[in-house]
Amino acid sequence: MKTILYARVSTGDQTIAHQEAQAAAAGFVVDEVVADDGVSGLSTCLRERPQGRRLFDLLRRGDVLVVRWVDRLGRNYADVCDTLREMMRRGVVVRTVIHRLTFDGATADPMQQAVRDALIGFMAATAQAQAEAMREAQKAGIAQARARSDVYRGR
């Protein structure tokens, strides 16, 4: 059994090293770091990212997948839900650094499963909503800069 940290950064103000430091500060002893740098979690599903594919190949029953928060897995509701459920079906334990949540699929109690699934859905929806809100705010800022005749140097 091994512990793998999956880190994803999509902007210049984020770093993989920061996510590693947060995991270590939270007490996680990580055997390996798998990271995607400069990859959107909203438009690119985990299985479509170079290191995301590798992550699925590496993880085995009993392994622990550590993520800073579920939004590192993705910012697409369906992708995050599917990923977490797939990991649990495989017997992989998923743990978050923030709030120290654990998703292991071990419970057979229908009520606990329902609560777990509702929490997964809520967190995945929150990740997607945050990403979409940031994108809209960015568009508004660009439009405002253009309206002021500022030179916009974005993509």
Protein backbone atom coordinates (compact mmCIF):
# COMPACT_ATOMS: atom_id res chain seq x y z
CA MET A 1 0.00 0.00 0.00
CA LYS A 2 1.23 3.44 -0.86
CA THR A 3 0.12 7.03 -0.44
CA ILE A 4 0.01 9.16 -3.56
CA LEU A 5 -0.59 12.90 -3.60
CA TYR A 6 -2.32 14.19 -6.71
CA ALA A 7 -1.71 17.89 -7.27
CA ARG A 8 -3.06 20.06 -10.06
CA VAL A 9 -2.30 23.68 -10.79
CA SER A 10 -3.93 25.69 -13.52
CA THR A 11 -2.73 29.23 -12.85
CA GLY A 12 0.59 30.92 -12.23
CA ASP A 13 -0.27 31.83 -8.64
CA GLN A 14 -0.64 28.16 -7.63
CA THR A 15 2.21 25.75 -7.05
CA ILE A 16 2.56 22.03 -6.70
CA ALA A 17 5.12 22.60 -3.94
CA HIS A 18 2.48 24.45 -1.92
CA GLN A 19 0.10 21.49 -2.15
CA GLU A 20 2.91 19.14 -1.11
CA ALA A 21 3.74 21.36 1.87
CA GLN A 22 0.10 21.49 2.94
CA ALA A 23 -0.15 17.69 2.81
CA ALA A 24 3.02 17.29 4.87
CA ALA A 25 1.83 19.89 7.40
CA ALA A 26 -1.43 17.94 7.75
CA GLY A 27 0.58 14.82 8.65
CA PHE A 28 0.42 12.92 5.38
CA VAL A 29 3.48 10.86 4.55
CA VAL A 30 3.46 10.75 0.76
CA ASP A 31 5.27 8.05 -1.19
CA GLU A 32 4.80 9.66 -4.59
CA VAL A 33 3.51 12.90 -6.08
CA VAL A 34 1.60 12.86 -9.34
CA ALA A 35 0.95 16.34 -10.69
CA ASP A 36 -0.58 18.11 -13.65
CA ASP A 37 0.72 21.63 -14.18
CA GLY A 38 -1.20 24.18 -16.22
CA VAL A 39 -4.27 21.99 -16.73
CA SER A 40 -7.85 23.16 -16.32
CA GLY A 41 -10.00 21.09 -14.02
CA LEU A 42 -13.18 22.40 -15.61
CA SER A 43 -12.49 21.64 -19.25
CA THR A 44 -10.21 18.60 -18.90
CA CYS A 45 -11.44 15.49 -17.09
CA LEU A 46 -8.97 13.70 -14.83
CA ARG A 47 -8.68 10.69 -17.18
CA GLU A 48 -7.80 13.05 -20.06
CA ARG A 49 -4.90 14.74 -18.26
CA PRO A 50 -1.43 13.26 -18.81
CA GLN A 51 -0.77 12.59 -15.13
CA GLY A 52 -4.42 11.85 -14.41
CA ARG A 53 -4.20 8.82 -16.70
CA ARG A 54 -1.02 7.78 -14.90
CA LEU A 55 -2.78 8.14 -11.55
CA PHE A 56 -5.48 5.68 -12.58
CA ASP A 57 -2.75 3.24 -13.67
CA LEU A 58 -0.78 3.57 -10.42
CA LEU A 59 -3.48 3.25 -7.80
CA ARG A 60 -4.27 -0.20 -6.41
CA ARG A 61 -6.67 -1.58 -3.78
CA GLY A 62 -5.58 -0.35 -0.35
CA ASP A 63 -3.66 2.67 -1.66
CA VAL A 64 -4.43 6.15 -0.37
CA LEU A 65 -4.98 9.05 -2.75
CA VAL A 66 -4.41 12.41 -1.09
CA VAL A 67 -5.72 15.63 -2.64
CA ARG A 68 -5.67 19.13 -1.22
CA TRP A 69 -9.40 19.34 -1.91
CA VAL A 70 -11.73 17.65 -4.39
CA ASP A 71 -11.37 20.58 -6.79
CA ARG A 72 -7.84 19.33 -7.56
CA LEU A 73 -9.43 16.22 -9.06
CA GLY A 74 -11.57 18.47 -11.20
CA ARG A 75 -14.07 21.25 -11.39
CA ASN A 76 -16.63 19.38 -13.44
CA TYR A 77 -19.45 17.95 -11.32
CA ALA A 78 -19.87 14.67 -13.20
CA ASP A 79 -16.12 14.06 -13.50
CA VAL A 80 -15.45 14.60 -9.79
CA CYS A 81 -18.37 12.39 -8.72
CA ASP A 82 -17.40 9.66 -11.20
CA THR A 83 -13.73 9.81 -10.16
CA LEU A 84 -14.44 9.53 -6.44
CA ARG A 85 -16.88 6.68 -6.95
CA GLU A 86 -14.46 4.86 -9.27
CA MET A 87 -11.66 5.16 -6.71
CA MET A 88 -13.91 3.76 -3.98
CA ARG A 89 -15.01 0.86 -6.24
CA ARG A 90 -11.33 0.04 -6.77
CA GLY A 91 -10.71 -0.01 -3.02
CA VAL A 92 -8.67 3.20 -3.04
CA VAL A 93 -9.07 5.47 -0.03
CA VAL A 94 -9.36 9.15 -0.98
CA ARG A 95 -8.38 11.67 1.69
CA THR A 96 -8.48 15.45 1.56
CA VAL A 97 -5.95 17.73 3.21
CA ILE A 98 -8.55 20.43 3.82
CA HIS A 99 -11.10 19.26 6.41
CA ARG A 100 -9.41 15.83 6.46
CA LEU A 101 -12.31 14.02 4.84
CA THR A 102 -12.01 10.32 4.00
CA PHE A 103 -13.87 8.54 1.23
CA ASP A 104 -13.24 4.82 1.34
CA GLY A 105 -16.36 3.05 0.17
CA ALA A 106 -16.08 0.70 3.13
CA THR A 107 -19.46 1.28 4.69
CA ALA A 108 -22.28 -1.09 3.91
CA ASP A 109 -24.82 1.00 5.80
CA PRO A 110 -27.26 2.52 3.29
CA MET A 111 -27.74 5.69 5.37
CA GLN A 112 -23.99 6.31 5.62
CA GLN A 113 -23.63 5.65 1.89
CA ALA A 114 -26.38 8.17 1.14
CA VAL A 115 -24.76 10.82 3.34
CA ARG A 116 -21.35 10.14 1.78
CA ASP A 117 -22.77 10.38 -1.74
CA ALA A 118 -24.62 13.59 -0.89
CA LEU A 119 -21.39 15.10 0.45
CA ILE A 120 -19.51 14.07 -2.70
CA GLY A 121 -22.22 15.65 -4.84
CA PHE A 122 -22.20 18.86 -2.80
CA MET A 123 -18.41 19.20 -2.95
CA ALA A 124 -18.31 18.47 -6.69
CA ALA A 125 -21.07 21.01 -7.33
CA THR A 126 -19.23 23.59 -5.23
CA ALA A 127 -15.99 23.01 -7.17
CA GLN A 128 -17.77 23.51 -10.49
CA ALA A 129 -19.70 26.56 -9.28
CA GLN A 130 -16.50 28.21 -8.02
CA ALA A 131 -14.76 27.62 -11.34
CA GLU A 132 -17.65 29.03 -13.32
CA ALA A 133 -17.90 32.06 -11.03
CA MET A 134 -14.17 32.74 -11.44
CA ARG A 135 -14.47 32.45 -15.21
CA GLU A 136 -17.38 34.92 -15.28
CA ALA A 137 -15.50 37.35 -13.05
CA GLN A 138 -12.48 37.11 -15.35
CA LYS A 139 -14.65 37.81 -18.41
CA ALA A 140 -16.20 40.82 -16.67
CA GLY A 141 -12.77 42.17 -15.75
CA ILE A 142 -11.53 41.80 -19.32
CA ALA A 143 -14.63 43.53 -20.69
CA GLN A 144 -14.19 46.35 -18.19
CA ALA A 145 -10.52 46.80 -19.14
CA ARG A 146 -11.45 46.90 -22.82
CA ALA A 147 -14.20 49.43 -22.16
CA ARG A 148 -11.69 51.70 -20.42
CA SER A 149 -9.50 51.41 -23.53
CA ASP A 150 -6.81 49.72 -21.51
CA VAL A 151 -4.59 47.43 -23.44
CA TYR A 152 -5.57 43.88 -22.62
CA ARG A 153 -2.68 41.44 -22.97
CA GLY A 154 -4.50 38.21 -22.18
CA ARG A 155 -4.86 35.09 -24.25
